Amino acid sequence: MSVLVKQQILERIKNGGLAFKPGLDNLQIQGHSVDLRLGFTFMIPKVWRPGDGGREAVNLDPLHNIGASHFDIVELEQGQHFDLLPNEYVLVSSLETITVPKDLMAVLYPRSSVNRRGLSIDLTGIIDAGYSGKLVLPIRNNTRSQTVRLYPGERFCQLVFQQLMGEIETKPSRHHMRDVAEGLAKEDEREVDLITKGDINKLKEAYPIKEDIS
């Protein structure tokens, strides 16, 4: 794979294959990456809820029951901020909606200035070829006693784009904030069943790679 540099990124945007909405500004275009800005939607995991027995802890089973009922959703207005408490973990939408063409993928990294504030983007990873939508950024305050203030619109993470060496078949991705609210665990039912049972050998047998990779 080869990494796109600034001029190639700009050419892709100009030709319409790579798209950002709202459009990027000059501060966001780096030598070989694009900075993304924080959006206005914050999702705070709940730790308890009222139940038949009284106050009950919220226990997450990521294969079955993560949904909107497990989060408090905060929609900020223009000029508002979000104070991230010590050791707190939240999900935040990106400001931009991004569309990635089918011959590119992207890798998400935190900005170094974010790390120096004691913050981490816990689940940095791959943005699939063909993806379109906002990104969900999992953010944690790693400090013991400092509240860190977050502002919608601040540059927070960066995308590095890589050229794929061949065509792939794209499929719907689950980086969307609405998919987090509706339930992330919409996996193949058979896969979920085998994972729940811990039968990894049968899982591998059930989903062999069909293409010849020798």
N, C-alpha and C. Protein backbone atom coordinates (compact mmCIF):
# COMPACT_ATOMS: atom_id res chain seq x y z
N MET A 1 0.83 -1.19 0.00
CA MET A 1 0.00 0.00 0.00
C MET A 1 0.87 1.25 0.00
N SER A 2 0.36 2.32 -0.61
CA SER A 2 1.06 3.59 -0.62
C SER A 2 0.19 4.65 0.04
N VAL A 3 0.83 5.58 0.74
CA VAL A 3 0.13 6.62 1.48
C VAL A 3 -0.04 7.85 0.59
N LEU A 4 -1.26 8.40 0.54
CA LEU A 4 -1.51 9.60 -0.23
C LEU A 4 -0.90 10.82 0.46
N VAL A 5 -0.25 11.69 -0.32
CA VAL A 5 0.29 12.94 0.21
C VAL A 5 -0.70 14.07 -0.10
N LYS A 6 -0.39 15.26 0.37
CA LYS A 6 -1.32 16.38 0.33
C LYS A 6 -1.89 16.61 -1.06
N GLN A 7 -1.05 16.69 -2.09
CA GLN A 7 -1.53 16.99 -3.43
C GLN A 7 -2.47 15.90 -3.95
N GLN A 8 -2.15 14.66 -3.64
CA GLN A 8 -3.02 13.56 -4.08
C GLN A 8 -4.36 13.59 -3.37
N ILE A 9 -4.35 13.95 -2.09
CA ILE A 9 -5.61 14.07 -1.34
C ILE A 9 -6.48 15.17 -1.95
N LEU A 10 -5.85 16.31 -2.25
CA LEU A 10 -6.60 17.42 -2.84
C LEU A 10 -7.15 17.06 -4.21
N GLU A 11 -6.39 16.32 -4.99
CA GLU A 11 -6.86 15.90 -6.31
C GLU A 11 -8.05 14.96 -6.18
N ARG A 12 -8.00 14.07 -5.21
CA ARG A 12 -9.11 13.14 -4.98
C ARG A 12 -10.37 13.90 -4.59
N ILE A 13 -10.22 14.90 -3.75
CA ILE A 13 -11.36 15.71 -3.33
C ILE A 13 -11.92 16.49 -4.52
N LYS A 14 -11.04 17.07 -5.32
CA LYS A 14 -11.46 17.85 -6.48
C LYS A 14 -12.21 16.99 -7.49
N ASN A 15 -11.76 15.76 -7.66
CA ASN A 15 -12.39 14.86 -8.63
C ASN A 15 -13.65 14.19 -8.09
N GLY A 16 -13.93 14.38 -6.82
CA GLY A 16 -15.18 13.88 -6.25
C GLY A 16 -15.14 12.46 -5.70
N GLY A 17 -14.01 11.77 -5.79
CA GLY A 17 -13.95 10.41 -5.26
C GLY A 17 -13.87 10.37 -3.75
N LEU A 18 -13.19 11.36 -3.17
CA LEU A 18 -13.05 11.48 -1.72
C LEU A 18 -13.80 12.74 -1.31
N ALA A 19 -14.70 12.64 -0.34
CA ALA A 19 -15.56 13.78 -0.02
C ALA A 19 -15.68 13.98 1.48
N PHE A 20 -15.77 15.25 1.88
CA PHE A 20 -16.00 15.64 3.27
C PHE A 20 -17.11 16.69 3.30
N LYS A 21 -18.03 16.54 4.25
CA LYS A 21 -19.10 17.50 4.42
C LYS A 21 -19.31 17.76 5.91
N PRO A 22 -19.16 19.01 6.38
CA PRO A 22 -18.77 20.19 5.60
C PRO A 22 -17.38 20.06 5.02
N GLY A 23 -17.11 20.88 3.99
CA GLY A 23 -15.81 20.81 3.33
C GLY A 23 -14.66 21.13 4.25
N LEU A 24 -13.48 20.64 3.91
CA LEU A 24 -12.30 20.85 4.73
C LEU A 24 -11.81 22.29 4.60
N ASP A 25 -11.12 22.77 5.62
CA ASP A 25 -10.44 24.06 5.54
C ASP A 25 -8.93 23.80 5.49
N ASN A 26 -8.19 24.87 5.27
CA ASN A 26 -6.75 24.73 5.05
C ASN A 26 -6.01 24.17 6.26
N LEU A 27 -6.53 24.42 7.47
CA LEU A 27 -5.88 23.92 8.68
C LEU A 27 -5.95 22.41 8.79
N GLN A 28 -6.91 21.81 8.09
CA GLN A 28 -7.12 20.36 8.23
C GLN A 28 -6.25 19.54 7.30
N ILE A 29 -5.73 20.15 6.25
CA ILE A 29 -4.93 19.41 5.27
C ILE A 29 -3.47 19.43 5.70
N GLN A 30 -2.94 18.24 6.01
CA GLN A 30 -1.54 18.11 6.39
C GLN A 30 -0.73 17.49 5.25
N GLY A 31 0.55 17.31 5.47
CA GLY A 31 1.43 16.81 4.41
C GLY A 31 1.02 15.45 3.87
N HIS A 32 0.53 14.57 4.74
CA HIS A 32 0.09 13.24 4.29
C HIS A 32 -1.07 12.73 5.13
N SER A 33 -1.93 13.66 5.59
CA SER A 33 -3.09 13.27 6.38
C SER A 33 -4.13 14.39 6.37
N VAL A 34 -5.30 14.08 6.92
CA VAL A 34 -6.38 15.05 7.06
C VAL A 34 -6.83 15.05 8.51
N ASP A 35 -6.87 16.22 9.13
CA ASP A 35 -7.39 16.35 10.49
C ASP A 35 -8.91 16.38 10.45
N LEU A 36 -9.55 15.66 11.36
CA LEU A 36 -11.00 15.72 11.53
C LEU A 36 -11.33 16.52 12.78
N ARG A 37 -12.50 17.13 12.77
CA ARG A 37 -12.95 17.95 13.89
C ARG A 37 -14.03 17.22 14.69
N LEU A 38 -14.11 17.54 15.98
CA LEU A 38 -15.14 16.96 16.84
C LEU A 38 -16.52 17.47 16.44
N GLY A 39 -17.51 16.59 16.53
CA GLY A 39 -18.88 16.97 16.26
C GLY A 39 -19.59 17.42 17.53
N PHE A 40 -20.92 17.46 17.47
CA PHE A 40 -21.73 17.99 18.56
C PHE A 40 -22.46 16.92 19.36
N THR A 41 -22.34 15.65 18.95
CA THR A 41 -23.08 14.57 19.62
C THR A 41 -22.15 13.76 20.51
N PHE A 42 -22.48 13.68 21.80
CA PHE A 42 -21.69 12.94 22.78
C PHE A 42 -22.58 11.86 23.40
N MET A 43 -22.06 10.66 23.54
CA MET A 43 -22.79 9.55 24.15
C MET A 43 -22.03 9.07 25.38
N ILE A 44 -22.67 9.15 26.53
CA ILE A 44 -22.05 8.80 27.81
C ILE A 44 -22.59 7.46 28.27
N PRO A 45 -21.75 6.43 28.43
CA PRO A 45 -22.24 5.13 28.89
C PRO A 45 -22.86 5.23 30.28
N LYS A 46 -24.03 4.62 30.44
CA LYS A 46 -24.68 4.59 31.74
C LYS A 46 -24.05 3.50 32.61
N VAL A 47 -23.96 3.77 33.91
CA VAL A 47 -23.40 2.77 34.83
C VAL A 47 -24.50 2.13 35.68
N TRP A 48 -25.69 2.74 35.72
CA TRP A 48 -26.80 2.15 36.47
C TRP A 48 -28.11 2.61 35.86
N ARG A 49 -29.18 1.90 36.23
CA ARG A 49 -30.53 2.26 35.81
C ARG A 49 -31.50 1.69 36.83
N PRO A 50 -32.69 2.29 36.95
CA PRO A 50 -33.69 1.74 37.87
C PRO A 50 -34.24 0.42 37.35
N GLY A 51 -34.40 -0.55 38.23
CA GLY A 51 -34.93 -1.85 37.85
C GLY A 51 -35.92 -2.35 38.87
N ASP A 52 -36.42 -3.56 38.66
CA ASP A 52 -37.40 -4.14 39.57
C ASP A 52 -36.86 -4.27 40.99
N GLY A 53 -35.55 -4.50 41.09
CA GLY A 53 -34.96 -4.67 42.41
C GLY A 53 -34.44 -3.39 43.02
N GLY A 54 -34.57 -2.28 42.29
CA GLY A 54 -34.04 -1.01 42.78
C GLY A 54 -33.02 -0.44 41.81
N ARG A 55 -31.92 0.07 42.35
CA ARG A 55 -30.85 0.58 41.52
C ARG A 55 -29.98 -0.59 41.06
N GLU A 56 -29.89 -0.78 39.73
CA GLU A 56 -29.16 -1.91 39.18
C GLU A 56 -28.04 -1.44 38.26
N ALA A 57 -26.90 -2.13 38.36
CA ALA A 57 -25.77 -1.82 37.50
C ALA A 57 -26.10 -2.18 36.06
N VAL A 58 -25.59 -1.38 35.13
CA VAL A 58 -25.74 -1.68 33.71
C VAL A 58 -24.59 -2.58 33.29
N ASN A 59 -24.91 -3.81 32.95
CA ASN A 59 -23.90 -4.76 32.49
C ASN A 59 -24.00 -4.90 30.98
N LEU A 60 -22.89 -4.66 30.30
CA LEU A 60 -22.88 -4.67 28.85
C LEU A 60 -22.49 -6.03 28.31
N ASP A 61 -23.27 -6.52 27.38
CA ASP A 61 -22.93 -7.71 26.61
C ASP A 61 -22.83 -7.25 25.17
N PRO A 62 -21.62 -6.93 24.68
CA PRO A 62 -21.48 -6.28 23.38
C PRO A 62 -21.96 -7.10 22.21
N LEU A 63 -22.16 -8.40 22.39
CA LEU A 63 -22.67 -9.21 21.29
C LEU A 63 -24.19 -9.19 21.21
N HIS A 64 -24.86 -8.70 22.25
CA HIS A 64 -26.30 -8.83 22.26
C HIS A 64 -27.07 -7.56 22.60
N ASN A 65 -26.58 -6.73 23.53
CA ASN A 65 -27.53 -5.77 24.07
C ASN A 65 -27.03 -4.33 24.18
N ILE A 66 -26.07 -3.90 23.37
CA ILE A 66 -25.68 -2.50 23.41
C ILE A 66 -26.64 -1.69 22.55
N GLY A 67 -27.25 -0.67 23.12
CA GLY A 67 -28.18 0.15 22.38
C GLY A 67 -28.33 1.50 23.04
N ALA A 68 -29.28 2.28 22.55
CA ALA A 68 -29.46 3.65 23.04
C ALA A 68 -29.76 3.69 24.54
N SER A 69 -30.41 2.64 25.07
CA SER A 69 -30.76 2.63 26.49
C SER A 69 -29.53 2.55 27.38
N HIS A 70 -28.37 2.24 26.81
CA HIS A 70 -27.15 2.14 27.59
C HIS A 70 -26.34 3.43 27.60
N PHE A 71 -26.88 4.49 26.99
CA PHE A 71 -26.15 5.75 26.89
C PHE A 71 -27.06 6.93 27.24
N ASP A 72 -26.45 7.96 27.82
CA ASP A 72 -27.07 9.28 27.87
C ASP A 72 -26.51 10.06 26.69
N ILE A 73 -27.40 10.62 25.87
CA ILE A 73 -26.98 11.32 24.66
C ILE A 73 -27.07 12.82 24.89
N VAL A 74 -25.95 13.51 24.65
CA VAL A 74 -25.88 14.95 24.82
C VAL A 74 -25.65 15.59 23.46
N GLU A 75 -26.57 16.46 23.04
CA GLU A 75 -26.43 17.21 21.79
C GLU A 75 -26.09 18.65 22.15
N LEU A 76 -24.86 19.07 21.88
CA LEU A 76 -24.44 20.42 22.21
C LEU A 76 -24.92 21.41 21.16
N GLU A 77 -25.06 22.66 21.58
CA GLU A 77 -25.40 23.76 20.68
C GLU A 77 -24.13 24.57 20.39
N GLN A 78 -24.21 25.44 19.41
CA GLN A 78 -23.08 26.29 19.08
C GLN A 78 -22.65 27.10 20.30
N GLY A 79 -21.33 27.11 20.57
CA GLY A 79 -20.80 27.85 21.71
C GLY A 79 -20.72 27.05 22.99
N GLN A 80 -21.29 25.84 23.01
CA GLN A 80 -21.23 25.01 24.21
C GLN A 80 -20.00 24.10 24.16
N HIS A 81 -19.64 23.57 25.33
CA HIS A 81 -18.49 22.67 25.45
C HIS A 81 -18.90 21.43 26.24
N PHE A 82 -17.97 20.48 26.31
CA PHE A 82 -18.23 19.24 27.05
C PHE A 82 -17.05 18.99 27.97
N ASP A 83 -17.30 18.92 29.28
CA ASP A 83 -16.25 18.63 30.25
C ASP A 83 -16.15 17.12 30.45
N LEU A 84 -15.01 16.57 30.07
CA LEU A 84 -14.76 15.13 30.20
C LEU A 84 -14.08 14.88 31.54
N LEU A 85 -14.76 14.14 32.42
CA LEU A 85 -14.29 13.94 33.77
C LEU A 85 -13.11 12.96 33.82
N PRO A 86 -12.32 12.99 34.90
CA PRO A 86 -11.20 12.05 35.04
C PRO A 86 -11.67 10.60 34.89
N ASN A 87 -10.95 9.83 34.10
CA ASN A 87 -11.22 8.42 33.83
C ASN A 87 -12.55 8.18 33.11
N GLU A 88 -13.19 9.22 32.62
CA GLU A 88 -14.46 9.06 31.92
C GLU A 88 -14.23 8.67 30.47
N TYR A 89 -15.18 7.91 29.95
CA TYR A 89 -15.13 7.40 28.58
C TYR A 89 -16.42 7.80 27.88
N VAL A 90 -16.30 8.38 26.68
CA VAL A 90 -17.48 8.78 25.92
C VAL A 90 -17.28 8.44 24.45
N LEU A 91 -18.39 8.42 23.71
CA LEU A 91 -18.35 8.32 22.26
C LEU A 91 -18.75 9.67 21.69
N VAL A 92 -18.01 10.13 20.68
CA VAL A 92 -18.26 11.44 20.09
C VAL A 92 -18.30 11.29 18.57
N SER A 93 -19.23 11.98 17.95
CA SER A 93 -19.29 11.96 16.49
C SER A 93 -18.24 12.91 15.92
N SER A 94 -17.76 12.58 14.74
CA SER A 94 -16.94 13.53 14.01
C SER A 94 -17.84 14.63 13.45
N LEU A 95 -17.29 15.82 13.25
CA LEU A 95 -18.06 16.90 12.62
C LEU A 95 -18.35 16.55 11.17
N GLU A 96 -17.34 15.98 10.50
CA GLU A 96 -17.45 15.72 9.07
C GLU A 96 -18.13 14.40 8.77
N THR A 97 -18.93 14.41 7.73
CA THR A 97 -19.34 13.18 7.07
C THR A 97 -18.31 12.89 6.00
N ILE A 98 -17.78 11.70 5.98
CA ILE A 98 -16.71 11.35 5.05
C ILE A 98 -17.18 10.27 4.09
N THR A 99 -16.79 10.38 2.84
CA THR A 99 -17.04 9.35 1.85
C THR A 99 -15.71 8.89 1.27
N VAL A 100 -15.43 7.60 1.41
CA VAL A 100 -14.16 7.03 0.97
C VAL A 100 -14.40 6.22 -0.31
N PRO A 101 -13.65 6.46 -1.38
CA PRO A 101 -13.84 5.67 -2.60
C PRO A 101 -13.42 4.22 -2.40
N LYS A 102 -13.81 3.37 -3.34
CA LYS A 102 -13.61 1.93 -3.18
C LYS A 102 -12.16 1.48 -3.36
N ASP A 103 -11.30 2.37 -3.84
CA ASP A 103 -9.90 1.97 -4.02
C ASP A 103 -8.99 2.57 -2.94
N LEU A 104 -9.60 3.15 -1.89
CA LEU A 104 -8.83 3.69 -0.78
C LEU A 104 -9.33 3.12 0.54
N MET A 105 -8.47 3.09 1.53
CA MET A 105 -8.86 2.88 2.92
C MET A 105 -8.17 3.97 3.73
N ALA A 106 -8.60 4.15 4.97
CA ALA A 106 -7.99 5.16 5.83
C ALA A 106 -7.71 4.56 7.20
N VAL A 107 -6.67 5.08 7.85
CA VAL A 107 -6.33 4.68 9.21
C VAL A 107 -6.48 5.90 10.10
N LEU A 108 -7.16 5.73 11.22
CA LEU A 108 -7.45 6.82 12.14
C LEU A 108 -6.40 6.86 13.26
N TYR A 109 -5.83 8.05 13.47
CA TYR A 109 -4.85 8.26 14.54
C TYR A 109 -5.24 9.47 15.37
N PRO A 110 -4.89 9.48 16.66
CA PRO A 110 -5.08 10.70 17.45
C PRO A 110 -4.02 11.72 17.08
N ARG A 111 -4.34 12.99 17.25
CA ARG A 111 -3.32 14.03 17.11
C ARG A 111 -2.44 14.02 18.36
N SER A 112 -1.17 14.34 18.19
CA SER A 112 -0.25 14.30 19.32
C SER A 112 -0.66 15.28 20.41
N SER A 113 -1.25 16.40 20.02
CA SER A 113 -1.70 17.38 21.01
C SER A 113 -2.81 16.80 21.89
N VAL A 114 -3.60 15.89 21.34
CA VAL A 114 -4.65 15.22 22.12
C VAL A 114 -4.03 14.31 23.17
N ASN A 115 -3.02 13.55 22.77
CA ASN A 115 -2.33 12.67 23.73
C ASN A 115 -1.70 13.46 24.87
N ARG A 116 -1.16 14.62 24.55
CA ARG A 116 -0.49 15.43 25.58
C ARG A 116 -1.48 15.99 26.59
N ARG A 117 -2.75 16.05 26.25
CA ARG A 117 -3.77 16.50 27.20
C ARG A 117 -4.23 15.38 28.12
N GLY A 118 -3.67 14.19 27.94
CA GLY A 118 -4.07 13.06 28.77
C GLY A 118 -5.24 12.30 28.20
N LEU A 119 -5.58 12.55 26.94
CA LEU A 119 -6.70 11.89 26.29
C LEU A 119 -6.22 10.81 25.35
N SER A 120 -7.08 9.85 25.11
CA SER A 120 -6.77 8.81 24.12
C SER A 120 -8.02 8.53 23.31
N ILE A 121 -7.83 8.20 22.04
CA ILE A 121 -8.90 7.68 21.21
C ILE A 121 -8.71 6.18 21.23
N ASP A 122 -9.51 5.48 22.03
CA ASP A 122 -9.21 4.10 22.38
C ASP A 122 -9.26 3.12 21.23
N LEU A 123 -10.14 3.36 20.26
CA LEU A 123 -10.35 2.36 19.22
C LEU A 123 -9.94 2.88 17.85
N THR A 124 -8.74 3.49 17.77
CA THR A 124 -8.24 3.89 16.46
C THR A 124 -8.15 2.67 15.57
N GLY A 125 -8.42 2.84 14.30
CA GLY A 125 -8.41 1.68 13.42
C GLY A 125 -8.69 2.05 11.99
N ILE A 126 -9.19 1.10 11.23
CA ILE A 126 -9.34 1.23 9.80
C ILE A 126 -10.72 1.77 9.45
N ILE A 127 -10.75 2.71 8.50
CA ILE A 127 -11.98 3.17 7.88
C ILE A 127 -12.06 2.47 6.53
N ASP A 128 -13.09 1.66 6.34
CA ASP A 128 -13.15 0.77 5.19
C ASP A 128 -13.33 1.51 3.88
N ALA A 129 -12.81 0.91 2.82
CA ALA A 129 -13.07 1.40 1.47
C ALA A 129 -14.57 1.40 1.22
N GLY A 130 -15.06 2.46 0.59
CA GLY A 130 -16.49 2.56 0.29
C GLY A 130 -17.33 3.10 1.43
N TYR A 131 -16.72 3.41 2.57
CA TYR A 131 -17.49 3.90 3.72
C TYR A 131 -18.02 5.31 3.46
N SER A 132 -19.21 5.58 3.97
CA SER A 132 -19.78 6.92 3.90
C SER A 132 -20.55 7.21 5.18
N GLY A 133 -20.23 8.30 5.85
CA GLY A 133 -20.93 8.68 7.07
C GLY A 133 -20.00 9.40 8.03
N LYS A 134 -20.54 9.79 9.17
CA LYS A 134 -19.71 10.34 10.23
C LYS A 134 -18.94 9.20 10.90
N LEU A 135 -17.91 9.54 11.64
CA LEU A 135 -17.16 8.56 12.41
C LEU A 135 -17.53 8.68 13.88
N VAL A 136 -17.45 7.56 14.59
CA VAL A 136 -17.67 7.54 16.03
C VAL A 136 -16.31 7.42 16.71
N LEU A 137 -15.98 8.41 17.53
CA LEU A 137 -14.67 8.47 18.17
C LEU A 137 -14.80 8.11 19.64
N PRO A 138 -14.22 6.99 20.08
CA PRO A 138 -14.24 6.64 21.51
C PRO A 138 -13.11 7.39 22.22
N ILE A 139 -13.44 8.24 23.17
CA ILE A 139 -12.46 9.11 23.82
C ILE A 139 -12.45 8.84 25.32
N ARG A 140 -11.26 8.76 25.88
CA ARG A 140 -11.10 8.54 27.31
C ARG A 140 -10.18 9.59 27.91
N ASN A 141 -10.56 10.08 29.10
CA ASN A 141 -9.71 10.96 29.88
C ASN A 141 -8.88 10.10 30.82
N ASN A 142 -7.59 9.99 30.56
CA ASN A 142 -6.72 9.10 31.33
C ASN A 142 -6.14 9.75 32.58
N THR A 143 -6.46 11.02 32.83
CA THR A 143 -5.90 11.67 34.00
C THR A 143 -6.64 11.23 35.27
N ARG A 144 -5.97 11.37 36.40
CA ARG A 144 -6.56 10.97 37.68
C ARG A 144 -7.47 12.04 38.27
N SER A 145 -7.16 13.30 38.02
CA SER A 145 -7.90 14.35 38.73
C SER A 145 -8.25 15.55 37.87
N GLN A 146 -7.89 15.56 36.59
CA GLN A 146 -8.12 16.74 35.76
C GLN A 146 -9.33 16.54 34.84
N THR A 147 -10.22 17.48 34.86
CA THR A 147 -11.31 17.52 33.89
C THR A 147 -10.79 18.19 32.63
N VAL A 148 -11.03 17.56 31.49
CA VAL A 148 -10.53 18.09 30.21
C VAL A 148 -11.71 18.58 29.40
N ARG A 149 -11.64 19.83 28.95
CA ARG A 149 -12.74 20.43 28.22
C ARG A 149 -12.60 20.16 26.72
N LEU A 150 -13.69 19.69 26.12
CA LEU A 150 -13.74 19.41 24.69
C LEU A 150 -14.67 20.40 24.01
N TYR A 151 -14.26 20.85 22.82
CA TYR A 151 -15.04 21.82 22.07
C TYR A 151 -15.41 21.24 20.71
N PRO A 152 -16.70 21.21 20.39
CA PRO A 152 -17.08 20.84 19.02
C PRO A 152 -16.36 21.76 18.02
N GLY A 153 -15.83 21.15 16.99
CA GLY A 153 -15.10 21.91 15.99
C GLY A 153 -13.60 21.86 16.14
N GLU A 154 -13.09 21.44 17.32
CA GLU A 154 -11.63 21.38 17.46
C GLU A 154 -11.07 20.20 16.69
N ARG A 155 -9.88 20.39 16.13
CA ARG A 155 -9.22 19.30 15.42
C ARG A 155 -8.76 18.26 16.44
N PHE A 156 -9.12 17.01 16.21
CA PHE A 156 -8.95 16.02 17.26
C PHE A 156 -8.21 14.76 16.82
N CYS A 157 -8.42 14.34 15.60
CA CYS A 157 -7.78 13.12 15.11
C CYS A 157 -7.40 13.33 13.64
N GLN A 158 -6.67 12.39 13.08
CA GLN A 158 -6.23 12.52 11.70
C GLN A 158 -6.40 11.21 10.95
N LEU A 159 -6.70 11.35 9.67
CA LEU A 159 -6.85 10.20 8.79
C LEU A 159 -5.68 10.14 7.82
N VAL A 160 -5.10 8.96 7.70
CA VAL A 160 -4.07 8.68 6.69
C VAL A 160 -4.69 7.76 5.66
N PHE A 161 -4.63 8.16 4.39
CA PHE A 161 -5.28 7.40 3.32
C PHE A 161 -4.25 6.54 2.59
N GLN A 162 -4.65 5.30 2.33
CA GLN A 162 -3.78 4.35 1.66
C GLN A 162 -4.46 3.80 0.42
N GLN A 163 -3.68 3.70 -0.66
CA GLN A 163 -4.19 3.16 -1.92
C GLN A 163 -4.21 1.64 -1.85
N LEU A 164 -5.35 1.04 -2.18
CA LEU A 164 -5.45 -0.41 -2.22
C LEU A 164 -4.82 -0.94 -3.51
N MET A 165 -4.24 -2.11 -3.45
CA MET A 165 -3.55 -2.69 -4.60
C MET A 165 -4.49 -3.49 -5.49
N GLY A 166 -5.74 -3.65 -5.08
CA GLY A 166 -6.71 -4.37 -5.88
C GLY A 166 -8.11 -3.98 -5.47
N GLU A 167 -9.10 -4.37 -6.25
CA GLU A 167 -10.48 -4.05 -5.94
C GLU A 167 -11.03 -5.00 -4.89
N ILE A 168 -11.92 -4.49 -4.04
CA ILE A 168 -12.57 -5.32 -3.03
C ILE A 168 -14.07 -5.11 -3.11
N GLU A 169 -14.80 -6.06 -2.53
CA GLU A 169 -16.25 -5.92 -2.45
C GLU A 169 -16.58 -5.21 -1.15
N THR A 170 -17.20 -4.04 -1.25
CA THR A 170 -17.51 -3.27 -0.06
C THR A 170 -18.83 -3.72 0.52
N LYS A 171 -19.01 -3.46 1.83
CA LYS A 171 -20.26 -3.79 2.53
C LYS A 171 -20.53 -2.71 3.56
N PRO A 172 -21.77 -2.61 4.04
CA PRO A 172 -22.10 -1.56 5.01
C PRO A 172 -21.20 -1.63 6.23
N SER A 173 -20.75 -0.45 6.68
CA SER A 173 -19.88 -0.38 7.85
C SER A 173 -20.66 0.13 9.04
N ARG A 174 -20.09 -0.03 10.27
CA ARG A 174 -20.80 0.36 11.47
C ARG A 174 -20.03 1.40 12.26
N HIS A 175 -19.53 2.44 11.53
CA HIS A 175 -18.91 3.57 12.22
C HIS A 175 -19.93 4.65 12.54
N HIS A 176 -21.18 4.52 12.06
CA HIS A 176 -22.17 5.57 12.22
C HIS A 176 -22.60 5.71 13.67
N MET A 177 -22.79 6.97 14.10
CA MET A 177 -23.29 7.22 15.44
C MET A 177 -24.67 6.62 15.63
N ARG A 178 -25.53 6.70 14.60
CA ARG A 178 -26.88 6.16 14.75
C ARG A 178 -26.84 4.65 14.94
N ASP A 179 -25.83 3.97 14.35
CA ASP A 179 -25.72 2.53 14.53
C ASP A 179 -25.30 2.19 15.95
N VAL A 180 -24.51 3.07 16.58
CA VAL A 180 -24.15 2.85 17.97
C VAL A 180 -25.40 2.96 18.84
N ALA A 181 -26.22 3.97 18.56
CA ALA A 181 -27.43 4.18 19.35
C ALA A 181 -28.43 3.05 19.16
N GLU A 182 -28.53 2.51 17.94
CA GLU A 182 -29.51 1.48 17.66
C GLU A 182 -29.02 0.09 18.03
N GLY A 183 -27.72 -0.04 18.21
CA GLY A 183 -27.18 -1.35 18.58
C GLY A 183 -26.04 -1.74 17.68
N LEU A 184 -24.82 -1.78 18.23
CA LEU A 184 -23.66 -2.11 17.41
C LEU A 184 -23.59 -3.58 17.04
N ALA A 185 -24.21 -4.42 17.82
CA ALA A 185 -23.95 -5.84 17.69
C ALA A 185 -24.83 -6.54 16.67
N LYS A 186 -25.01 -5.94 15.51
CA LYS A 186 -25.80 -6.56 14.47
C LYS A 186 -24.89 -7.43 13.60
N GLU A 187 -24.33 -8.42 14.23
CA GLU A 187 -23.42 -9.33 13.56
C GLU A 187 -24.21 -10.51 13.00
N ASP A 188 -23.52 -11.35 12.26
CA ASP A 188 -24.11 -12.59 11.78
C ASP A 188 -24.58 -13.40 12.99
N GLU A 189 -25.83 -13.85 12.97
CA GLU A 189 -26.39 -14.53 14.15
C GLU A 189 -25.64 -15.81 14.49
N ARG A 190 -25.21 -16.53 13.47
CA ARG A 190 -24.46 -17.77 13.72
C ARG A 190 -23.11 -17.46 14.36
N GLU A 191 -22.47 -16.40 13.89
CA GLU A 191 -21.20 -16.00 14.46
C GLU A 191 -21.37 -15.64 15.93
N VAL A 192 -22.40 -14.86 16.24
CA VAL A 192 -22.65 -14.47 17.62
C VAL A 192 -22.88 -15.69 18.50
N ASP A 193 -23.64 -16.65 17.99
CA ASP A 193 -23.93 -17.86 18.76
C ASP A 193 -22.65 -18.64 19.07
N LEU A 194 -21.79 -18.79 18.08
CA LEU A 194 -20.55 -19.55 18.28
C LEU A 194 -19.58 -18.81 19.20
N ILE A 195 -19.55 -17.48 19.08
CA ILE A 195 -18.69 -16.70 19.98
C ILE A 195 -19.19 -16.83 21.41
N THR A 196 -20.50 -16.73 21.58
CA THR A 196 -21.08 -16.84 22.92
C THR A 196 -20.75 -18.19 23.56
N LYS A 197 -20.77 -19.25 22.74
CA LYS A 197 -20.46 -20.59 23.24
C LYS A 197 -18.96 -20.82 23.39
N GLY A 198 -18.15 -19.93 22.84
CA GLY A 198 -16.70 -20.09 22.92
C GLY A 198 -16.15 -21.14 21.98
N ASP A 199 -16.94 -21.54 20.98
CA ASP A 199 -16.53 -22.59 20.04
C ASP A 199 -15.80 -21.97 18.86
N ILE A 200 -14.55 -21.58 19.07
CA ILE A 200 -13.78 -20.88 18.04
C ILE A 200 -13.44 -21.80 16.88
N ASN A 201 -13.16 -23.07 17.17
CA ASN A 201 -12.83 -24.01 16.10
C ASN A 201 -14.00 -24.15 15.12
N LYS A 202 -15.20 -24.29 15.65
CA LYS A 202 -16.37 -24.41 14.78
C LYS A 202 -16.62 -23.10 14.04
N LEU A 203 -16.31 -21.97 14.69
CA LEU A 203 -16.45 -20.67 14.04
C LEU A 203 -15.55 -20.61 12.81
N LYS A 204 -14.30 -21.06 12.95
CA LYS A 204 -13.38 -21.03 11.82
C LYS A 204 -13.83 -21.97 10.72
N GLU A 205 -14.38 -23.11 11.11
CA GLU A 205 -14.86 -24.06 10.12
C GLU A 205 -16.08 -23.52 9.37
N ALA A 206 -16.91 -22.74 10.07
CA ALA A 206 -18.14 -22.23 9.47
C ALA A 206 -17.88 -21.09 8.49
N TYR A 207 -16.74 -20.41 8.64
CA TYR A 207 -16.46 -19.25 7.80
C TYR A 207 -15.07 -19.34 7.17
N PRO A 208 -14.84 -20.35 6.33
CA PRO A 208 -13.53 -20.46 5.68
C PRO A 208 -13.37 -19.37 4.63
N ILE A 209 -12.13 -18.98 4.38
CA ILE A 209 -11.86 -18.03 3.30
C ILE A 209 -12.05 -18.75 1.97
N LYS A 210 -12.90 -18.21 1.14
CA LYS A 210 -13.26 -18.88 -0.10
C LYS A 210 -12.21 -18.69 -1.20
N GLU A 211 -11.55 -17.53 -1.17
CA GLU A 211 -10.55 -17.28 -2.21
C GLU A 211 -9.26 -18.04 -1.93
N ASP A 212 -8.54 -18.36 -2.98
CA ASP A 212 -7.25 -19.02 -2.86
C ASP A 212 -6.21 -17.99 -2.49
N ILE A 213 -5.67 -18.06 -1.25
CA ILE A 213 -4.69 -17.07 -0.81
C ILE A 213 -3.30 -17.69 -0.74
N SER A 214 -3.11 -18.85 -1.34
CA SER A 214 -1.78 -19.47 -1.29
C SER A 214 -0.83 -18.80 -2.27
